[in-house]
Amino acid sequence: MAETNTSASAAPEKENKFLRYKGYPLVRNKDEIYYGNMSDKYVIWMQITEKTKVGDLDVASKVKIYKMATDEKLSPIEAIVKQSEKTSLYEALDIAYAWLSRH
């Protein structure tokens, strides 16, 4: 009879796997997306502020993008070093990747 691995040590490995885009982790919570590593100097925070119906899907039509320092000593307002607004999630991710890869 074949044994299956049901030990607790297998669970944390699954929990640490995030969706990645161009090498950086991507985490979504409703209409907010966080992009980047918290251990790096900067991360990106995106807010989907408008959506358009395309068939049965809601597609982002306005996305605010903020490049933020991860220094916990800064207030959220002080942490924002760049901001922009794009008309699609693809454009937002494209600029977010450029911001993260240039630091």
PDB file of N, CA and C in Angstrom:
ATOM      1  N   MET A   1       0.837  -1.171   0.000  1.00  0.00           N
ATOM      2  CA  MET A   1       0.000   0.000   0.000  1.00  0.00           C
ATOM      3  C   MET A   1       0.890   1.246   0.000  1.00  0.00           C
ATOM      4  N   ALA A   2       0.598   2.207  -0.854  1.00  0.00           N
ATOM      5  CA  ALA A   2       1.402   3.425  -0.971  1.00  0.00           C
ATOM      6  C   ALA A   2       1.094   4.365   0.176  1.00  0.00           C
ATOM      7  N   GLU A   3       2.139   5.002   0.698  1.00  0.00           N
ATOM      8  CA  GLU A   3       1.956   5.959   1.778  1.00  0.00           C
ATOM      9  C   GLU A   3       1.842   7.367   1.206  1.00  0.00           C
ATOM     10  N   THR A   4       1.031   8.190   1.823  1.00  0.00           N
ATOM     11  CA  THR A   4       0.934   9.589   1.425  1.00  0.00           C
ATOM     12  C   THR A   4       1.528  10.444   2.523  1.00  0.00           C
ATOM     13  N   ASN A   5       2.119  11.523   2.151  1.00  0.00           N
ATOM     14  CA  ASN A   5       2.744  12.424   3.102  1.00  0.00           C
ATOM     15  C   ASN A   5       1.698  13.393   3.629  1.00  0.00           C
ATOM     16  N   THR A   6       1.297  13.209   4.870  1.00  0.00           N
ATOM     17  CA  THR A   6       0.309  14.089   5.488  1.00  0.00           C
ATOM     18  C   THR A   6       0.900  14.858   6.648  1.00  0.00           C
ATOM     19  N   SER A   7       2.215  14.919   6.726  1.00  0.00           N
ATOM     20  CA  SER A   7       2.864  15.606   7.846  1.00  0.00           C
ATOM     21  C   SER A   7       2.659  17.109   7.749  1.00  0.00           C
ATOM     22  N   ALA A   8       2.760  17.747   8.883  1.00  0.00           N
ATOM     23  CA  ALA A   8       2.580  19.199   8.950  1.00  0.00           C
ATOM     24  C   ALA A   8       3.687  19.940   8.213  1.00  0.00           C
ATOM     25  N   SER A   9       4.837  19.305   8.022  1.00  0.00           N
ATOM     26  CA  SER A   9       5.954  19.987   7.366  1.00  0.00           C
ATOM     27  C   SER A   9       5.666  20.275   5.895  1.00  0.00           C
ATOM     28  N   ALA A  10       4.727  19.592   5.266  1.00  0.00           N
ATOM     29  CA  ALA A  10       4.396  19.838   3.863  1.00  0.00           C
ATOM     30  C   ALA A  10       3.530  21.083   3.703  1.00  0.00           C
ATOM     31  N   ALA A  11       2.750  21.456   4.696  1.00  0.00           N
ATOM     32  CA  ALA A  11       1.822  22.581   4.603  1.00  0.00           C
ATOM     33  C   ALA A  11       2.513  23.933   4.450  1.00  0.00           C
ATOM     34  N   PRO A  12       3.534  24.275   5.260  1.00  0.00           N
ATOM     35  CA  PRO A  12       4.151  25.603   5.114  1.00  0.00           C
ATOM     36  C   PRO A  12       4.728  25.842   3.720  1.00  0.00           C
ATOM     37  N   GLU A  13       5.197  24.805   3.063  1.00  0.00           N
ATOM     38  CA  GLU A  13       5.753  24.970   1.723  1.00  0.00           C
ATOM     39  C   GLU A  13       4.695  25.517   0.772  1.00  0.00           C
ATOM     40  N   LYS A  14       3.477  25.022   0.853  1.00  0.00           N
ATOM     41  CA  LYS A  14       2.389  25.503   0.007  1.00  0.00           C
ATOM     42  C   LYS A  14       2.033  26.948   0.332  1.00  0.00           C
ATOM     43  N   GLU A  15       2.033  27.313   1.614  1.00  0.00           N
ATOM     44  CA  GLU A  15       1.639  28.649   2.040  1.00  0.00           C
ATOM     45  C   GLU A  15       2.588  29.721   1.519  1.00  0.00           C
ATOM     46  N   ASN A  16       3.854  29.409   1.300  1.00  0.00           N
ATOM     47  CA  ASN A  16       4.843  30.387   0.871  1.00  0.00           C
ATOM     48  C   ASN A  16       4.840  30.632  -0.629  1.00  0.00           C
ATOM     49  N   LYS A  17       4.024  29.930  -1.366  1.00  0.00           N
ATOM     50  CA  LYS A  17       4.001  30.097  -2.812  1.00  0.00           C
ATOM     51  C   LYS A  17       2.978  31.169  -3.189  1.00  0.00           C
ATOM     52  N   PHE A  18       3.469  32.257  -3.771  1.00  0.00           N
ATOM     53  CA  PHE A  18       2.617  33.342  -4.244  1.00  0.00           C
ATOM     54  C   PHE A  18       2.590  33.311  -5.763  1.00  0.00           C
ATOM     55  N   LEU A  19       1.526  33.853  -6.331  1.00  0.00           N
ATOM     56  CA  LEU A  19       1.503  34.095  -7.757  1.00  0.00           C
ATOM     57  C   LEU A  19       2.629  35.077  -8.041  1.00  0.00           C
ATOM     58  N   ARG A  20       3.359  34.866  -9.111  1.00  0.00           N
ATOM     59  CA  ARG A  20       4.476  35.746  -9.445  1.00  0.00           C
ATOM     60  C   ARG A  20       4.262  36.324 -10.840  1.00  0.00           C
ATOM     61  N   TYR A  21       4.712  37.556 -11.016  1.00  0.00           N
ATOM     62  CA  TYR A  21       4.692  38.207 -12.321  1.00  0.00           C
ATOM     63  C   TYR A  21       6.081  38.772 -12.551  1.00  0.00           C
ATOM     64  N   LYS A  22       6.751  38.291 -13.580  1.00  0.00           N
ATOM     65  CA  LYS A  22       8.109  38.712 -13.923  1.00  0.00           C
ATOM     66  C   LYS A  22       9.044  38.637 -12.713  1.00  0.00           C
ATOM     67  N   GLY A  23       8.912  37.566 -11.935  1.00  0.00           N
ATOM     68  CA  GLY A  23       9.823  37.304 -10.835  1.00  0.00           C
ATOM     69  C   GLY A  23       9.456  37.896  -9.487  1.00  0.00           C
ATOM     70  N   TYR A  24       8.440  38.746  -9.425  1.00  0.00           N
ATOM     71  CA  TYR A  24       8.041  39.358  -8.163  1.00  0.00           C
ATOM     72  C   TYR A  24       6.701  38.784  -7.699  1.00  0.00           C
ATOM     73  N   PRO A  25       6.511  38.628  -6.376  1.00  0.00           N
ATOM     74  CA  PRO A  25       5.231  38.128  -5.874  1.00  0.00           C
ATOM     75  C   PRO A  25       4.100  39.131  -6.118  1.00  0.00           C
ATOM     76  N   LEU A  26       2.928  38.584  -6.344  1.00  0.00           N
ATOM     77  CA  LEU A  26       1.737  39.378  -6.642  1.00  0.00           C
ATOM     78  C   LEU A  26       0.627  38.868  -5.743  1.00  0.00           C
ATOM     79  N   VAL A  27       0.089  39.743  -4.885  1.00  0.00           N
ATOM     80  CA  VAL A  27      -0.946  39.353  -3.934  1.00  0.00           C
ATOM     81  C   VAL A  27      -2.137  40.283  -4.104  1.00  0.00           C
ATOM     82  N   ARG A  28      -3.330  39.689  -4.256  1.00  0.00           N
ATOM     83  CA  ARG A  28      -4.537  40.493  -4.437  1.00  0.00           C
ATOM     84  C   ARG A  28      -5.469  40.337  -3.248  1.00  0.00           C
ATOM     85  N   ASN A  29      -6.052  41.443  -2.828  1.00  0.00           N
ATOM     86  CA  ASN A  29      -7.089  41.462  -1.803  1.00  0.00           C
ATOM     87  C   ASN A  29      -8.195  42.377  -2.317  1.00  0.00           C
ATOM     88  N   LYS A  30      -9.260  41.780  -2.839  1.00  0.00           N
ATOM     89  CA  LYS A  30     -10.380  42.504  -3.461  1.00  0.00           C
ATOM     90  C   LYS A  30      -9.857  43.394  -4.584  1.00  0.00           C
ATOM     91  N   ASP A  31      -9.954  44.708  -4.454  1.00  0.00           N
ATOM     92  CA  ASP A  31      -9.522  45.615  -5.514  1.00  0.00           C
ATOM     93  C   ASP A  31      -8.150  46.232  -5.241  1.00  0.00           C
ATOM     94  N   GLU A  32      -7.373  45.614  -4.366  1.00  0.00           N
ATOM     95  CA  GLU A  32      -6.018  46.063  -4.085  1.00  0.00           C
ATOM     96  C   GLU A  32      -5.047  44.955  -4.461  1.00  0.00           C
ATOM     97  N   ILE A  33      -3.940  45.355  -5.053  1.00  0.00           N
ATOM     98  CA  ILE A  33      -2.904  44.404  -5.461  1.00  0.00           C
ATOM     99  C   ILE A  33      -1.574  44.898  -4.916  1.00  0.00           C
ATOM    100  N   TYR A  34      -0.837  43.987  -4.306  1.00  0.00           N
ATOM    101  CA  TYR A  34       0.491  44.289  -3.793  1.00  0.00           C
ATOM    102  C   TYR A  34       1.488  43.512  -4.634  1.00  0.00           C
ATOM    103  N   TYR A  35       2.531  44.191  -5.083  1.00  0.00           N
ATOM    104  CA  TYR A  35       3.487  43.612  -6.018  1.00  0.00           C
ATOM    105  C   TYR A  35       4.892  43.884  -5.517  1.00  0.00           C
ATOM    106  N   GLY A  36       5.670  42.841  -5.326  1.00  0.00           N
ATOM    107  CA  GLY A  36       7.044  42.993  -4.880  1.00  0.00           C
ATOM    108  C   GLY A  36       7.304  42.239  -3.595  1.00  0.00           C
ATOM    109  N   ASN A  37       8.550  42.277  -3.167  1.00  0.00           N
ATOM    110  CA  ASN A  37       8.993  41.614  -1.937  1.00  0.00           C
ATOM    111  C   ASN A  37       9.056  42.624  -0.799  1.00  0.00           C
ATOM    112  N   MET A  38       8.432  42.306   0.317  1.00  0.00           N
ATOM    113  CA  MET A  38       8.481  43.208   1.469  1.00  0.00           C
ATOM    114  C   MET A  38       9.899  43.335   2.028  1.00  0.00           C
ATOM    115  N   SER A  39      10.778  42.416   1.696  1.00  0.00           N
ATOM    116  CA  SER A  39      12.163  42.502   2.156  1.00  0.00           C
ATOM    117  C   SER A  39      13.002  43.451   1.290  1.00  0.00           C
ATOM    118  N   ASP A  40      12.461  43.887   0.154  1.00  0.00           N
ATOM    119  CA  ASP A  40      13.153  44.849  -0.701  1.00  0.00           C
ATOM    120  C   ASP A  40      12.894  46.275  -0.212  1.00  0.00           C
ATOM    121  N   LYS A  41      13.583  47.231  -0.787  1.00  0.00           N
ATOM    122  CA  LYS A  41      13.443  48.634  -0.374  1.00  0.00           C
ATOM    123  C   LYS A  41      12.073  49.215  -0.753  1.00  0.00           C
ATOM    124  N   TYR A  42      11.498  48.734  -1.867  1.00  0.00           N
ATOM    125  CA  TYR A  42      10.212  49.254  -2.340  1.00  0.00           C
ATOM    126  C   TYR A  42       9.269  48.118  -2.738  1.00  0.00           C
ATOM    127  N   VAL A  43       7.972  48.391  -2.638  1.00  0.00           N
ATOM    128  CA  VAL A  43       6.928  47.523  -3.176  1.00  0.00           C
ATOM    129  C   VAL A  43       5.938  48.417  -3.914  1.00  0.00           C
ATOM    130  N   ILE A  44       5.059  47.787  -4.670  1.00  0.00           N
ATOM    131  CA  ILE A  44       4.034  48.522  -5.401  1.00  0.00           C
ATOM    132  C   ILE A  44       2.677  48.185  -4.821  1.00  0.00           C
ATOM    133  N   TRP A  45       1.858  49.201  -4.646  1.00  0.00           N
ATOM    134  CA  TRP A  45       0.481  49.042  -4.187  1.00  0.00           C
ATOM    135  C   TRP A  45      -0.399  49.575  -5.307  1.00  0.00           C
ATOM    136  N   MET A  46      -1.314  48.746  -5.797  1.00  0.00           N
ATOM    137  CA  MET A  46      -2.226  49.150  -6.865  1.00  0.00           C
ATOM    138  C   MET A  46      -3.663  49.084  -6.363  1.00  0.00           C
ATOM    139  N   GLN A  47      -4.442  50.084  -6.722  1.00  0.00           N
ATOM    140  CA  GLN A  47      -5.864  50.121  -6.384  1.00  0.00           C
ATOM    141  C   GLN A  47      -6.668  50.162  -7.678  1.00  0.00           C
ATOM    142  N   ILE A  48      -7.566  49.200  -7.839  1.00  0.00           N
ATOM    143  CA  ILE A  48      -8.484  49.224  -8.976  1.00  0.00           C
ATOM    144  C   ILE A  48      -9.636  50.132  -8.566  1.00  0.00           C
ATOM    145  N   THR A  49      -9.758  51.284  -9.230  1.00  0.00           N
ATOM    146  CA  THR A  49     -10.767  52.263  -8.830  1.00  0.00           C
ATOM    147  C   THR A  49     -11.977  52.289  -9.758  1.00  0.00           C
ATOM    148  N   GLU A  50     -11.837  51.727 -10.949  1.00  0.00           N
ATOM    149  CA  GLU A  50     -12.973  51.624 -11.883  1.00  0.00           C
ATOM    150  C   GLU A  50     -12.884  50.310 -12.632  1.00  0.00           C
ATOM    151  N   LYS A  51     -14.077  49.756 -12.940  1.00  0.00           N
ATOM    152  CA  LYS A  51     -14.147  48.516 -13.711  1.00  0.00           C
ATOM    153  C   LYS A  51     -15.163  48.693 -14.825  1.00  0.00           C
ATOM    154  N   THR A  52     -14.952  47.946 -15.915  1.00  0.00           N
ATOM    155  CA  THR A  52     -15.857  47.932 -17.056  1.00  0.00           C
ATOM    156  C   THR A  52     -16.276  46.487 -17.291  1.00  0.00           C
ATOM    157  N   LYS A  53     -17.538  46.280 -17.642  1.00  0.00           N
ATOM    158  CA  LYS A  53     -18.018  44.934 -17.960  1.00  0.00           C
ATOM    159  C   LYS A  53     -17.559  44.543 -19.359  1.00  0.00           C
ATOM    160  N   VAL A  54     -16.935  43.392 -19.484  1.00  0.00           N
ATOM    161  CA  VAL A  54     -16.573  42.806 -20.771  1.00  0.00           C
ATOM    162  C   VAL A  54     -17.167  41.399 -20.734  1.00  0.00           C
ATOM    163  N   GLY A  55     -18.306  41.244 -21.388  1.00  0.00           N
ATOM    164  CA  GLY A  55     -19.032  39.978 -21.275  1.00  0.00           C
ATOM    165  C   GLY A  55     -19.505  39.821 -19.844  1.00  0.00           C
ATOM    166  N   ASP A  56     -19.148  38.723 -19.235  1.00  0.00           N
ATOM    167  CA  ASP A  56     -19.509  38.465 -17.842  1.00  0.00           C
ATOM    168  C   ASP A  56     -18.447  38.919 -16.849  1.00  0.00           C
ATOM    169  N   LEU A  57     -17.326  39.433 -17.343  1.00  0.00           N
ATOM    170  CA  LEU A  57     -16.204  39.791 -16.476  1.00  0.00           C
ATOM    171  C   LEU A  57     -16.147  41.282 -16.177  1.00  0.00           C
ATOM    172  N   ASP A  58     -15.724  41.609 -14.954  1.00  0.00           N
ATOM    173  CA  ASP A  58     -15.394  42.986 -14.605  1.00  0.00           C
ATOM    174  C   ASP A  58     -13.907  43.168 -14.884  1.00  0.00           C
ATOM    175  N   VAL A  59     -13.565  44.114 -15.758  1.00  0.00           N
ATOM    176  CA  VAL A  59     -12.174  44.357 -16.148  1.00  0.00           C
ATOM    177  C   VAL A  59     -11.767  45.738 -15.638  1.00  0.00           C
ATOM    178  N   ALA A  60     -10.580  45.817 -15.040  1.00  0.00           N
ATOM    179  CA  ALA A  60     -10.085  47.090 -14.514  1.00  0.00           C
ATOM    180  C   ALA A  60      -9.952  48.110 -15.639  1.00  0.00           C
ATOM    181  N   SER A  61     -10.548  49.292 -15.435  1.00  0.00           N
ATOM    182  CA  SER A  61     -10.435  50.362 -16.430  1.00  0.00           C
ATOM    183  C   SER A  61      -9.732  51.596 -15.861  1.00  0.00           C
ATOM    184  N   LYS A  62      -9.477  51.601 -14.565  1.00  0.00           N
ATOM    185  CA  LYS A  62      -8.665  52.657 -13.947  1.00  0.00           C
ATOM    186  C   LYS A  62      -7.947  52.044 -12.748  1.00  0.00           C
ATOM    187  N   VAL A  63      -6.618  52.159 -12.770  1.00  0.00           N
ATOM    188  CA  VAL A  63      -5.787  51.585 -11.709  1.00  0.00           C
ATOM    189  C   VAL A  63      -4.813  52.651 -11.218  1.00  0.00           C
ATOM    190  N   LYS A  64      -4.850  52.925  -9.923  1.00  0.00           N
ATOM    191  CA  LYS A  64      -3.871  53.827  -9.313  1.00  0.00           C
ATOM    192  C   LYS A  64      -2.697  52.991  -8.835  1.00  0.00           C
ATOM    193  N   ILE A  65      -1.485  53.500  -9.061  1.00  0.00           N
ATOM    194  CA  ILE A  65      -0.263  52.766  -8.750  1.00  0.00           C
ATOM    195  C   ILE A  65       0.599  53.632  -7.831  1.00  0.00           C
ATOM    196  N   TYR A  66       1.100  53.013  -6.769  1.00  0.00           N
ATOM    197  CA  TYR A  66       1.963  53.714  -5.823  1.00  0.00           C
ATOM    198  C   TYR A  66       3.221  52.892  -5.585  1.00  0.00           C
ATOM    199  N   LYS A  67       4.373  53.518  -5.736  1.00  0.00           N
ATOM    200  CA  LYS A  67       5.634  52.900  -5.338  1.00  0.00           C
ATOM    201  C   LYS A  67       5.871  53.350  -3.909  1.00  0.00           C
ATOM    202  N   MET A  68       6.037  52.373  -3.018  1.00  0.00           N
ATOM    203  CA  MET A  68       6.135  52.689  -1.596  1.00  0.00           C
ATOM    204  C   MET A  68       7.393  52.088  -0.981  1.00  0.00           C
ATOM    205  N   ALA A  69       8.022  52.865  -0.131  1.00  0.00           N
ATOM    206  CA  ALA A  69       9.160  52.370   0.641  1.00  0.00           C
ATOM    207  C   ALA A  69       8.640  51.393   1.692  1.00  0.00           C
ATOM    208  N   THR A  70       9.402  50.360   1.967  1.00  0.00           N
ATOM    209  CA  THR A  70       8.988  49.364   2.957  1.00  0.00           C
ATOM    210  C   THR A  70       9.487  49.690   4.363  1.00  0.00           C
ATOM    211  N   ASP A  71      10.119  50.826   4.525  1.00  0.00           N
ATOM    212  CA  ASP A  71      10.620  51.262   5.834  1.00  0.00           C
ATOM    213  C   ASP A  71       9.436  51.479   6.777  1.00  0.00           C
ATOM    214  N   GLU A  72       9.350  50.667   7.813  1.00  0.00           N
ATOM    215  CA  GLU A  72       8.220  50.722   8.743  1.00  0.00           C
ATOM    216  C   GLU A  72       8.213  51.990   9.596  1.00  0.00           C
ATOM    217  N   LYS A  73       9.307  52.732   9.610  1.00  0.00           N
ATOM    218  CA  LYS A  73       9.377  53.971  10.388  1.00  0.00           C
ATOM    219  C   LYS A  73       8.611  55.108   9.699  1.00  0.00           C
ATOM    220  N   LEU A  74       8.344  54.961   8.398  1.00  0.00           N
ATOM    221  CA  LEU A  74       7.647  56.002   7.643  1.00  0.00           C
ATOM    222  C   LEU A  74       6.135  55.830   7.740  1.00  0.00           C
ATOM    223  N   SER A  75       5.432  56.959   7.727  1.00  0.00           N
ATOM    224  CA  SER A  75       3.970  56.889   7.655  1.00  0.00           C
ATOM    225  C   SER A  75       3.600  56.462   6.233  1.00  0.00           C
ATOM    226  N   PRO A  76       2.382  55.947   6.019  1.00  0.00           N
ATOM    227  CA  PRO A  76       1.990  55.555   4.656  1.00  0.00           C
ATOM    228  C   PRO A  76       2.134  56.693   3.642  1.00  0.00           C
ATOM    229  N   ILE A  77       1.842  57.907   4.034  1.00  0.00           N
ATOM    230  CA  ILE A  77       1.968  59.056   3.124  1.00  0.00           C
ATOM    231  C   ILE A  77       3.441  59.315   2.797  1.00  0.00           C
ATOM    232  N   GLU A  78       4.303  59.266   3.808  1.00  0.00           N
ATOM    233  CA  GLU A  78       5.733  59.488   3.591  1.00  0.00           C
ATOM    234  C   GLU A  78       6.364  58.373   2.765  1.00  0.00           C
ATOM    235  N   ALA A  79       5.804  57.177   2.851  1.00  0.00           N
ATOM    236  CA  ALA A  79       6.379  56.021   2.163  1.00  0.00           C
ATOM    237  C   ALA A  79       6.185  56.090   0.650  1.00  0.00           C
ATOM    238  N   ILE A  80       5.180  56.816   0.182  1.00  0.00           N
ATOM    239  CA  ILE A  80       4.909  56.897  -1.259  1.00  0.00           C
ATOM    240  C   ILE A  80       5.967  57.766  -1.927  1.00  0.00           C
ATOM    241  N   VAL A  81       6.697  57.178  -2.889  1.00  0.00           N
ATOM    242  CA  VAL A  81       7.754  57.913  -3.575  1.00  0.00           C
ATOM    243  C   VAL A  81       7.403  58.201  -5.038  1.00  0.00           C
ATOM    244  N   LYS A  82       6.462  57.453  -5.597  1.00  0.00           N
ATOM    245  CA  LYS A  82       5.990  57.673  -6.969  1.00  0.00           C
ATOM    246  C   LYS A  82       4.544  57.246  -7.042  1.00  0.00           C
ATOM    247  N   GLN A  83       3.815  57.870  -7.955  1.00  0.00           N
ATOM    248  CA  GLN A  83       2.447  57.430  -8.200  1.00  0.00           C
ATOM    249  C   GLN A  83       2.055  57.706  -9.639  1.00  0.00           C
ATOM    250  N   SER A  84       1.107  56.919 -10.119  1.00  0.00           N
ATOM    251  CA  SER A  84       0.619  57.056 -11.480  1.00  0.00           C
ATOM    252  C   SER A  84      -0.777  56.471 -11.551  1.00  0.00           C
ATOM    253  N   GLU A  85      -1.399  56.645 -12.697  1.00  0.00           N
ATOM    254  CA  GLU A  85      -2.722  56.066 -12.930  1.00  0.00           C
ATOM    255  C   GLU A  85      -2.747  55.525 -14.354  1.00  0.00           C
ATOM    256  N   LYS A  86      -3.252  54.317 -14.528  1.00  0.00           N
ATOM    257  CA  LYS A  86      -3.308  53.668 -15.835  1.00  0.00           C
ATOM    258  C   LYS A  86      -4.731  53.201 -16.116  1.00  0.00           C
ATOM    259  N   THR A  87      -4.995  52.920 -17.404  1.00  0.00           N
ATOM    260  CA  THR A  87      -6.345  52.549 -17.819  1.00  0.00           C
ATOM    261  C   THR A  87      -6.538  51.044 -17.975  1.00  0.00           C
ATOM    262  N   SER A  88      -5.530  50.250 -17.582  1.00  0.00           N
ATOM    263  CA  SER A  88      -5.697  48.795 -17.597  1.00  0.00           C
ATOM    264  C   SER A  88      -4.748  48.176 -16.588  1.00  0.00           C
ATOM    265  N   LEU A  89      -5.075  46.988 -16.161  1.00  0.00           N
ATOM    266  CA  LEU A  89      -4.211  46.277 -15.227  1.00  0.00           C
ATOM    267  C   LEU A  89      -2.878  45.930 -15.889  1.00  0.00           C
ATOM    268  N   TYR A  90      -2.916  45.602 -17.176  1.00  0.00           N
ATOM    269  CA  TYR A  90      -1.672  45.291 -17.884  1.00  0.00           C
ATOM    270  C   TYR A  90      -0.727  46.498 -17.863  1.00  0.00           C
ATOM    271  N   GLU A  91      -1.234  47.685 -18.179  1.00  0.00           N
ATOM    272  CA  GLU A  91      -0.398  48.891 -18.157  1.00  0.00           C
ATOM    273  C   GLU A  91       0.132  49.159 -16.749  1.00  0.00           C
ATOM    274  N   ALA A  92      -0.707  48.931 -15.746  1.00  0.00           N
ATOM    275  CA  ALA A  92      -0.296  49.146 -14.354  1.00  0.00           C
ATOM    276  C   ALA A  92       0.823  48.186 -13.971  1.00  0.00           C
ATOM    277  N   LEU A  93       0.683  46.914 -14.324  1.00  0.00           N
ATOM    278  CA  LEU A  93       1.723  45.936 -14.017  1.00  0.00           C
ATOM    279  C   LEU A  93       3.010  46.236 -14.777  1.00  0.00           C
ATOM    280  N   ASP A  94       2.884  46.738 -15.991  1.00  0.00           N
ATOM    281  CA  ASP A  94       4.049  47.075 -16.800  1.00  0.00           C
ATOM    282  C   ASP A  94       4.863  48.191 -16.140  1.00  0.00           C
ATOM    283  N   ILE A  95       4.196  49.252 -15.704  1.00  0.00           N
ATOM    284  CA  ILE A  95       4.917  50.356 -15.046  1.00  0.00           C
ATOM    285  C   ILE A  95       5.422  49.915 -13.670  1.00  0.00           C
ATOM    286  N   ALA A  96       4.654  49.100 -12.966  1.00  0.00           N
ATOM    287  CA  ALA A  96       5.071  48.605 -11.655  1.00  0.00           C
ATOM    288  C   ALA A  96       6.356  47.792 -11.770  1.00  0.00           C
ATOM    289  N   TYR A  97       6.424  46.929 -12.773  1.00  0.00           N
ATOM    290  CA  TYR A  97       7.634  46.137 -12.979  1.00  0.00           C
ATOM    291  C   TYR A  97       8.833  47.046 -13.295  1.00  0.00           C
ATOM    292  N   ALA A  98       8.606  48.062 -14.120  1.00  0.00           N
ATOM    293  CA  ALA A  98       9.685  48.996 -14.455  1.00  0.00           C
ATOM    294  C   ALA A  98      10.183  49.702 -13.202  1.00  0.00           C
ATOM    295  N   TRP A  99       9.271  50.147 -12.350  1.00  0.00           N
ATOM    296  CA  TRP A  99       9.666  50.829 -11.121  1.00  0.00           C
ATOM    297  C   TRP A  99      10.474  49.909 -10.212  1.00  0.00           C
ATOM    298  N   LEU A 100      10.041  48.671 -10.053  1.00  0.00           N
ATOM    299  CA  LEU A 100      10.745  47.749  -9.150  1.00  0.00           C
ATOM    300  C   LEU A 100      12.097  47.326  -9.706  1.00  0.00           C
ATOM    301  N   SER A 101      12.183  47.155 -11.002  1.00  0.00           N
ATOM    302  CA  SER A 101      13.436  46.645 -11.567  1.00  0.00           C
ATOM    303  C   SER A 101      14.504  47.721 -11.726  1.00  0.00           C
ATOM    304  N   ARG A 102      14.173  48.974 -11.549  1.00  0.00           N
ATOM    305  CA  ARG A 102      15.136  50.079 -11.693  1.00  0.00           C
ATOM    306  C   ARG A 102      15.792  50.521 -10.400  1.00  0.00           C
ATOM    307  N   HIS A 103      15.379  50.039  -9.253  1.00  0.00           N
ATOM    308  CA  HIS A 103      15.948  50.558  -7.994  1.00  0.00           C
ATOM    309  C   HIS A 103      17.279  50.007  -7.706  1.00  0.00           C
TER     310      HIS A 103
END
